[in-house]
Amino acid sequence: MTRTEADTSAARVLQGLEHGNPSVRLRAALAAGTDPDPGFVGRLVERCAVEPEFPVREMLTWALTRHEASTTVPALMDEVRSERAQARSQALHTLSKIGDRRAWPAITPASLADADDEVARSAWRAAVVLVPEGEEPQLAVGLATQLGRGGRGTRLSLSRALIALGDAMWPVLRAATTDPDPRVREHAIATERLWRDPDAGFDFAVEEAKRVVALGGGGQEER
């Protein structure tokens, strides 16, 4: 392919990312990942912030994972500070897929406690992927501040993140089982039950936790 042909192809990809037809945007994102070009990164990141279709967003993320982390990670870390919730959420999601621990500074207390549930969930998932060795206990402390938050999906995401930290979660989880807020106690006990018996499922763990809290108990059984 000549330089002119390459430039024409790249221009076609960039135009496709803005097309009104989501199928065209999907193909453009696929092309951007199939033949990576540093010139695509900025536009891919920008498109993640506004793309309304989930399959296209996932393809945009895949395309970014195909580019050099030295180019994508700084751009995505900047995006984590965006005022647009979707931009923050998708940037965190993409950083979790890239898995480069140089992105760890993007995981701040503010991101773990983001007011938007989807952003917070993305931050939790990214955090357990990116956390440096030895930082797990501190991350567990940050995650535990969110116990009792949101609906079923949000609580399940947090439970999974805590469980992924393994032994580092136990001190904060045990403390949370005696928290004055019954929602925090229920969530902590449900997380403990889910860790002990993942096959039983989260809904069963929640019901068990509600029963324990209603009876005035806690979830401080020995491991």
C-alpha atoms as a PDB file:
ATOM      1  CA  MET A   1       0.000   0.000   0.000  1.00  0.00           C
ATOM      2  CA  THR A   2       1.409   3.389  -0.975  1.00  0.00           C
ATOM      3  CA  ARG A   3       1.516   6.320   1.439  1.00  0.00           C
ATOM      4  CA  THR A   4      -1.357   7.953  -0.415  1.00  0.00           C
ATOM      5  CA  GLU A   5      -3.445   4.786  -0.212  1.00  0.00           C
ATOM      6  CA  ALA A   6      -2.667   4.447   3.492  1.00  0.00           C
ATOM      7  CA  ASP A   7      -3.691   8.041   4.144  1.00  0.00           C
ATOM      8  CA  THR A   8      -6.916   7.505   2.218  1.00  0.00           C
ATOM      9  CA  SER A   9      -7.664   4.338   4.187  1.00  0.00           C
ATOM     10  CA  ALA A  10      -7.005   6.083   7.510  1.00  0.00           C
ATOM     11  CA  ALA A  11      -9.231   8.979   6.519  1.00  0.00           C
ATOM     12  CA  ARG A  12     -11.992   6.524   5.645  1.00  0.00           C
ATOM     13  CA  VAL A  13     -11.718   4.912   9.067  1.00  0.00           C
ATOM     14  CA  LEU A  14     -11.894   8.248  10.870  1.00  0.00           C
ATOM     15  CA  GLN A  15     -14.895   9.320   8.810  1.00  0.00           C
ATOM     16  CA  GLY A  16     -16.568   5.979   9.486  1.00  0.00           C
ATOM     17  CA  LEU A  17     -16.316   6.478  13.235  1.00  0.00           C
ATOM     18  CA  GLU A  18     -18.616   9.486  12.916  1.00  0.00           C
ATOM     19  CA  HIS A  19     -21.134   7.893  10.506  1.00  0.00           C
ATOM     20  CA  GLY A  20     -24.816   7.950  11.372  1.00  0.00           C
ATOM     21  CA  ASN A  21     -25.171   4.202  10.794  1.00  0.00           C
ATOM     22  CA  PRO A  22     -23.931   2.156  13.768  1.00  0.00           C
ATOM     23  CA  SER A  23     -22.962  -0.718  11.462  1.00  0.00           C
ATOM     24  CA  VAL A  24     -20.595   1.593   9.627  1.00  0.00           C
ATOM     25  CA  ARG A  25     -19.140   2.823  12.936  1.00  0.00           C
ATOM     26  CA  LEU A  26     -18.671  -0.771  14.049  1.00  0.00           C
ATOM     27  CA  ARG A  27     -16.774  -1.649  10.861  1.00  0.00           C
ATOM     28  CA  ALA A  28     -14.651   1.485  11.210  1.00  0.00           C
ATOM     29  CA  ALA A  29     -13.706   0.571  14.773  1.00  0.00           C
ATOM     30  CA  LEU A  30     -12.868  -2.961  13.626  1.00  0.00           C
ATOM     31  CA  ALA A  31     -10.661  -1.540  10.881  1.00  0.00           C
ATOM     32  CA  ALA A  32      -8.939   0.763  13.378  1.00  0.00           C
ATOM     33  CA  GLY A  33      -8.017  -2.221  15.522  1.00  0.00           C
ATOM     34  CA  THR A  34      -7.116  -4.505  12.650  1.00  0.00           C
ATOM     35  CA  ASP A  35      -4.588  -2.034  11.274  1.00  0.00           C
ATOM     36  CA  PRO A  36      -3.545   0.122  14.258  1.00  0.00           C
ATOM     37  CA  ASP A  37      -2.339   3.642  13.661  1.00  0.00           C
ATOM     38  CA  PRO A  38      -1.302   6.083  16.422  1.00  0.00           C
ATOM     39  CA  GLY A  39      -3.337   8.693  14.608  1.00  0.00           C
ATOM     40  CA  PHE A  40      -6.515   6.778  15.460  1.00  0.00           C
ATOM     41  CA  VAL A  41      -6.099   6.848  19.243  1.00  0.00           C
ATOM     42  CA  GLY A  42      -7.394  10.347  19.939  1.00  0.00           C
ATOM     43  CA  ARG A  43     -10.493   9.857  17.805  1.00  0.00           C
ATOM     44  CA  LEU A  44     -11.195   6.412  19.251  1.00  0.00           C
ATOM     45  CA  VAL A  45     -11.051   7.817  22.770  1.00  0.00           C
ATOM     46  CA  GLU A  46     -13.268  10.751  21.808  1.00  0.00           C
ATOM     47  CA  ARG A  47     -15.799   8.413  20.205  1.00  0.00           C
ATOM     48  CA  CYS A  48     -15.968   6.254  23.341  1.00  0.00           C
ATOM     49  CA  ALA A  49     -17.307   9.266  25.224  1.00  0.00           C
ATOM     50  CA  VAL A  50     -20.340   9.731  22.995  1.00  0.00           C
ATOM     51  CA  GLU A  51     -21.019   6.407  21.247  1.00  0.00           C
ATOM     52  CA  PRO A  52     -24.599   5.345  22.089  1.00  0.00           C
ATOM     53  CA  GLU A  53     -24.406   1.715  20.925  1.00  0.00           C
ATOM     54  CA  PHE A  54     -22.909  -0.857  23.310  1.00  0.00           C
ATOM     55  CA  PRO A  55     -21.492  -3.194  20.606  1.00  0.00           C
ATOM     56  CA  VAL A  56     -19.740  -0.246  18.979  1.00  0.00           C
ATOM     57  CA  ARG A  57     -18.304   0.897  22.311  1.00  0.00           C
ATOM     58  CA  GLU A  58     -16.939  -2.598  22.897  1.00  0.00           C
ATOM     59  CA  MET A  59     -15.331  -2.574  19.459  1.00  0.00           C
ATOM     60  CA  LEU A  60     -13.829   0.843  20.179  1.00  0.00           C
ATOM     61  CA  THR A  61     -12.332  -0.578  23.361  1.00  0.00           C
ATOM     62  CA  TRP A  62     -10.959  -3.567  21.460  1.00  0.00           C
ATOM     63  CA  ALA A  63      -9.435  -1.243  18.875  1.00  0.00           C
ATOM     64  CA  LEU A  64      -7.692   0.740  21.606  1.00  0.00           C
ATOM     65  CA  THR A  65      -6.271  -2.440  23.142  1.00  0.00           C
ATOM     66  CA  ARG A  66      -4.639  -3.127  19.784  1.00  0.00           C
ATOM     67  CA  HIS A  67      -2.607   0.069  19.956  1.00  0.00           C
ATOM     68  CA  GLU A  68       0.567   0.691  21.945  1.00  0.00           C
ATOM     69  CA  ALA A  69      -0.169   1.191  25.649  1.00  0.00           C
ATOM     70  CA  SER A  70       2.374   4.018  25.728  1.00  0.00           C
ATOM     71  CA  THR A  71      -0.034   5.967  23.508  1.00  0.00           C
ATOM     72  CA  THR A  72      -3.430   4.804  24.756  1.00  0.00           C
ATOM     73  CA  VAL A  73      -2.887   4.793  28.526  1.00  0.00           C
ATOM     74  CA  PRO A  74      -2.068   8.513  28.940  1.00  0.00           C
ATOM     75  CA  ALA A  75      -5.025   9.496  26.743  1.00  0.00           C
ATOM     76  CA  LEU A  76      -7.399   7.265  28.709  1.00  0.00           C
ATOM     77  CA  MET A  77      -6.081   8.475  32.050  1.00  0.00           C
ATOM     78  CA  ASP A  78      -6.879  12.021  30.997  1.00  0.00           C
ATOM     79  CA  GLU A  79     -10.370  10.889  30.024  1.00  0.00           C
ATOM     80  CA  VAL A  80     -11.006   9.496  33.509  1.00  0.00           C
ATOM     81  CA  ARG A  81     -11.158  13.133  34.643  1.00  0.00           C
ATOM     82  CA  SER A  82     -13.795  14.064  32.046  1.00  0.00           C
ATOM     83  CA  GLU A  83     -17.009  15.778  33.104  1.00  0.00           C
ATOM     84  CA  ARG A  84     -18.941  13.297  30.934  1.00  0.00           C
ATOM     85  CA  ALA A  85     -19.884  10.124  32.834  1.00  0.00           C
ATOM     86  CA  GLN A  86     -19.739   7.877  29.784  1.00  0.00           C
ATOM     87  CA  ALA A  87     -16.246   9.118  28.994  1.00  0.00           C
ATOM     88  CA  ARG A  88     -15.069   8.238  32.495  1.00  0.00           C
ATOM     89  CA  SER A  89     -16.771   4.864  32.506  1.00  0.00           C
ATOM     90  CA  GLN A  90     -15.523   3.779  29.098  1.00  0.00           C
ATOM     91  CA  ALA A  91     -11.990   4.996  29.786  1.00  0.00           C
ATOM     92  CA  LEU A  92     -11.834   2.971  33.008  1.00  0.00           C
ATOM     93  CA  HIS A  93     -13.312  -0.048  31.247  1.00  0.00           C
ATOM     94  CA  THR A  94     -10.720   0.203  28.493  1.00  0.00           C
ATOM     95  CA  LEU A  95      -7.868   0.607  30.976  1.00  0.00           C
ATOM     96  CA  SER A  96      -9.014  -2.602  32.668  1.00  0.00           C
ATOM     97  CA  LYS A  97      -8.857  -4.406  29.328  1.00  0.00           C
ATOM     98  CA  ILE A  98      -5.397  -3.045  28.534  1.00  0.00           C
ATOM     99  CA  GLY A  99      -4.215  -4.073  31.996  1.00  0.00           C
ATOM    100  CA  ASP A 100      -1.162  -1.810  32.091  1.00  0.00           C
ATOM    101  CA  ARG A 101      -0.387  -0.977  35.723  1.00  0.00           C
ATOM    102  CA  ARG A 102       1.029   2.391  34.738  1.00  0.00           C
ATOM    103  CA  ALA A 103      -2.647   3.404  34.734  1.00  0.00           C
ATOM    104  CA  TRP A 104      -2.989   2.774  38.483  1.00  0.00           C
ATOM    105  CA  PRO A 105      -2.821   6.523  39.383  1.00  0.00           C
ATOM    106  CA  ALA A 106      -6.145   6.928  37.542  1.00  0.00           C
ATOM    107  CA  ILE A 107      -7.800   4.856  40.273  1.00  0.00           C
ATOM    108  CA  THR A 108      -8.451   7.543  42.855  1.00  0.00           C
ATOM    109  CA  PRO A 109     -10.812   7.668  45.842  1.00  0.00           C
ATOM    110  CA  ALA A 110     -12.976   9.956  43.713  1.00  0.00           C
ATOM    111  CA  SER A 111     -13.254   7.378  40.924  1.00  0.00           C
ATOM    112  CA  LEU A 112     -14.062   4.555  43.362  1.00  0.00           C
ATOM    113  CA  ALA A 113     -16.824   6.710  44.843  1.00  0.00           C
ATOM    114  CA  ASP A 114     -18.037   8.324  41.601  1.00  0.00           C
ATOM    115  CA  ALA A 115     -21.641   9.510  41.898  1.00  0.00           C
ATOM    116  CA  ASP A 116     -22.512   7.668  38.673  1.00  0.00           C
ATOM    117  CA  ASP A 117     -22.982   3.950  39.410  1.00  0.00           C
ATOM    118  CA  GLU A 118     -21.702   2.836  36.024  1.00  0.00           C
ATOM    119  CA  VAL A 119     -18.522   4.856  36.413  1.00  0.00           C
ATOM    120  CA  ALA A 120     -17.962   3.516  39.914  1.00  0.00           C
ATOM    121  CA  ARG A 121     -18.497  -0.063  38.756  1.00  0.00           C
ATOM    122  CA  SER A 122     -15.982   0.436  35.957  1.00  0.00           C
ATOM    123  CA  ALA A 123     -13.533   1.876  38.473  1.00  0.00           C
ATOM    124  CA  TRP A 124     -13.944  -1.111  40.793  1.00  0.00           C
ATOM    125  CA  ARG A 125     -13.342  -3.582  37.986  1.00  0.00           C
ATOM    126  CA  ALA A 126     -10.328  -1.636  36.734  1.00  0.00           C
ATOM    127  CA  ALA A 127      -8.916  -1.279  40.235  1.00  0.00           C
ATOM    128  CA  VAL A 128      -8.645  -5.011  40.916  1.00  0.00           C
ATOM    129  CA  VAL A 129      -6.877  -5.497  37.569  1.00  0.00           C
ATOM    130  CA  LEU A 130      -4.437  -2.601  37.939  1.00  0.00           C
ATOM    131  CA  VAL A 131      -3.649  -2.638  41.663  1.00  0.00           C
ATOM    132  CA  PRO A 132       0.108  -2.992  42.253  1.00  0.00           C
ATOM    133  CA  GLU A 133       1.339  -5.803  44.451  1.00  0.00           C
ATOM    134  CA  GLY A 134       1.145  -4.750  48.080  1.00  0.00           C
ATOM    135  CA  GLU A 135      -1.550  -2.108  47.515  1.00  0.00           C
ATOM    136  CA  GLU A 136      -4.468  -4.552  47.853  1.00  0.00           C
ATOM    137  CA  PRO A 137      -5.251  -3.802  51.524  1.00  0.00           C
ATOM    138  CA  GLN A 138      -5.521  -0.075  50.852  1.00  0.00           C
ATOM    139  CA  LEU A 139      -7.716  -0.731  47.846  1.00  0.00           C
ATOM    140  CA  ALA A 140      -9.952  -2.944  49.980  1.00  0.00           C
ATOM    141  CA  VAL A 141     -10.387  -0.030  52.386  1.00  0.00           C
ATOM    142  CA  GLY A 142     -11.444   2.221  49.510  1.00  0.00           C
ATOM    143  CA  LEU A 143     -13.859  -0.329  48.083  1.00  0.00           C
ATOM    144  CA  ALA A 144     -15.413  -1.009  51.470  1.00  0.00           C
ATOM    145  CA  THR A 145     -16.530   2.619  51.730  1.00  0.00           C
ATOM    146  CA  GLN A 146     -19.032   1.776  48.981  1.00  0.00           C
ATOM    147  CA  LEU A 147     -20.688  -1.182  50.729  1.00  0.00           C
ATOM    148  CA  GLY A 148     -24.460  -0.836  50.808  1.00  0.00           C
ATOM    149  CA  ARG A 149     -24.530   1.340  47.717  1.00  0.00           C
ATOM    150  CA  GLY A 150     -26.990   1.066  44.835  1.00  0.00           C
ATOM    151  CA  GLY A 151     -29.127  -1.744  43.484  1.00  0.00           C
ATOM    152  CA  ARG A 152     -28.433  -5.408  42.900  1.00  0.00           C
ATOM    153  CA  GLY A 153     -26.083  -4.974  39.932  1.00  0.00           C
ATOM    154  CA  THR A 154     -23.989  -2.349  41.665  1.00  0.00           C
ATOM    155  CA  ARG A 155     -23.718  -4.363  44.868  1.00  0.00           C
ATOM    156  CA  LEU A 156     -22.813  -7.524  43.005  1.00  0.00           C
ATOM    157  CA  SER A 157     -20.055  -5.667  41.137  1.00  0.00           C
ATOM    158  CA  LEU A 158     -18.598  -4.415  44.408  1.00  0.00           C
ATOM    159  CA  SER A 159     -18.802  -7.864  46.013  1.00  0.00           C
ATOM    160  CA  ARG A 160     -16.967  -9.393  43.073  1.00  0.00           C
ATOM    161  CA  ALA A 161     -14.274  -6.718  43.248  1.00  0.00           C
ATOM    162  CA  LEU A 162     -13.737  -7.304  46.953  1.00  0.00           C
ATOM    163  CA  ILE A 163     -13.638 -11.079  46.510  1.00  0.00           C
ATOM    164  CA  ALA A 164     -11.054 -10.660  43.744  1.00  0.00           C
ATOM    165  CA  LEU A 165      -8.715  -9.088  46.321  1.00  0.00           C
ATOM    166  CA  GLY A 166      -8.615 -12.336  48.281  1.00  0.00           C
ATOM    167  CA  ASP A 167      -7.212 -12.173  51.813  1.00  0.00           C
ATOM    168  CA  ALA A 168      -6.812  -8.391  51.626  1.00  0.00           C
ATOM    169  CA  MET A 169     -10.569  -7.938  51.877  1.00  0.00           C
ATOM    170  CA  TRP A 170     -11.062  -9.732  55.199  1.00  0.00           C
ATOM    171  CA  PRO A 171     -10.189  -7.032  57.749  1.00  0.00           C
ATOM    172  CA  VAL A 172     -12.459  -4.422  56.174  1.00  0.00           C
ATOM    173  CA  LEU A 173     -15.223  -6.925  55.467  1.00  0.00           C
ATOM    174  CA  ARG A 174     -15.244  -8.147  59.061  1.00  0.00           C
ATOM    175  CA  ALA A 175     -15.383  -4.561  60.311  1.00  0.00           C
ATOM    176  CA  ALA A 176     -18.281  -3.807  57.970  1.00  0.00           C
ATOM    177  CA  THR A 177     -20.370  -6.678  59.372  1.00  0.00           C
ATOM    178  CA  THR A 178     -20.786  -4.603  62.540  1.00  0.00           C
ATOM    179  CA  ASP A 179     -21.382  -1.256  60.824  1.00  0.00           C
ATOM    180  CA  PRO A 180     -24.272   0.813  62.273  1.00  0.00           C
ATOM    181  CA  ASP A 181     -25.895   0.996  58.821  1.00  0.00           C
ATOM    182  CA  PRO A 182     -27.920  -2.191  58.176  1.00  0.00           C
ATOM    183  CA  ARG A 183     -27.408  -1.821  54.419  1.00  0.00           C
ATOM    184  CA  VAL A 184     -23.646  -1.945  54.898  1.00  0.00           C
ATOM    185  CA  ARG A 185     -23.928  -4.943  57.236  1.00  0.00           C
ATOM    186  CA  GLU A 186     -26.174  -6.819  54.810  1.00  0.00           C
ATOM    187  CA  HIS A 187     -23.859  -6.180  51.882  1.00  0.00           C
ATOM    188  CA  ALA A 188     -20.762  -7.192  53.842  1.00  0.00           C
ATOM    189  CA  ILE A 189     -22.373 -10.402  55.087  1.00  0.00           C
ATOM    190  CA  ALA A 190     -23.700 -11.194  51.591  1.00  0.00           C
ATOM    191  CA  THR A 191     -20.190 -10.718  50.174  1.00  0.00           C
ATOM    192  CA  GLU A 192     -18.810 -13.085  52.796  1.00  0.00           C
ATOM    193  CA  ARG A 193     -21.499 -15.669  51.993  1.00  0.00           C
ATOM    194  CA  LEU A 194     -20.844 -15.334  48.270  1.00  0.00           C
ATOM    195  CA  TRP A 195     -17.127 -15.914  48.818  1.00  0.00           C
ATOM    196  CA  ARG A 196     -17.832 -19.021  50.895  1.00  0.00           C
ATOM    197  CA  ASP A 197     -20.406 -20.479  48.508  1.00  0.00           C
ATOM    198  CA  PRO A 198     -20.248 -18.879  45.039  1.00  0.00           C
ATOM    199  CA  ASP A 199     -22.480 -21.592  43.578  1.00  0.00           C
ATOM    200  CA  ALA A 200     -25.368 -20.471  45.775  1.00  0.00           C
ATOM    201  CA  GLY A 201     -25.479 -17.149  43.953  1.00  0.00           C
ATOM    202  CA  PHE A 202     -25.673 -13.537  45.032  1.00  0.00           C
ATOM    203  CA  ASP A 203     -29.438 -13.386  45.535  1.00  0.00           C
ATOM    204  CA  PHE A 204     -29.331 -16.277  47.993  1.00  0.00           C
ATOM    205  CA  ALA A 205     -26.405 -14.639  49.792  1.00  0.00           C
ATOM    206  CA  VAL A 206     -28.364 -11.395  50.102  1.00  0.00           C
ATOM    207  CA  GLU A 207     -31.410 -13.153  51.528  1.00  0.00           C
ATOM    208  CA  GLU A 208     -29.222 -14.954  54.044  1.00  0.00           C
ATOM    209  CA  ALA A 209     -27.591 -11.667  54.983  1.00  0.00           C
ATOM    210  CA  LYS A 210     -30.965  -9.993  55.511  1.00  0.00           C
ATOM    211  CA  ARG A 211     -32.005 -12.824  57.806  1.00  0.00           C
ATOM    212  CA  VAL A 212     -28.805 -12.524  59.839  1.00  0.00           C
ATOM    213  CA  VAL A 213     -29.146  -8.751  60.192  1.00  0.00           C
ATOM    214  CA  ALA A 214     -32.823  -9.029  61.112  1.00  0.00           C
ATOM    215  CA  LEU A 215     -31.879 -11.433  63.904  1.00  0.00           C
ATOM    216  CA  GLY A 216     -29.241  -9.030  65.132  1.00  0.00           C
ATOM    217  CA  GLY A 217     -26.294 -11.166  64.071  1.00  0.00           C
ATOM    218  CA  GLY A 218     -23.130 -10.511  62.144  1.00  0.00           C
ATOM    219  CA  GLY A 219     -20.985 -12.306  59.626  1.00  0.00           C
ATOM    220  CA  GLN A 220     -17.833 -12.713  61.638  1.00  0.00           C
ATOM    221  CA  GLU A 221     -17.417 -16.479  61.378  1.00  0.00           C
ATOM    222  CA  GLU A 222     -13.865 -17.734  61.352  1.00  0.00           C
ATOM    223  CA  ARG A 223     -12.524 -18.566  57.909  1.00  0.00           C
END
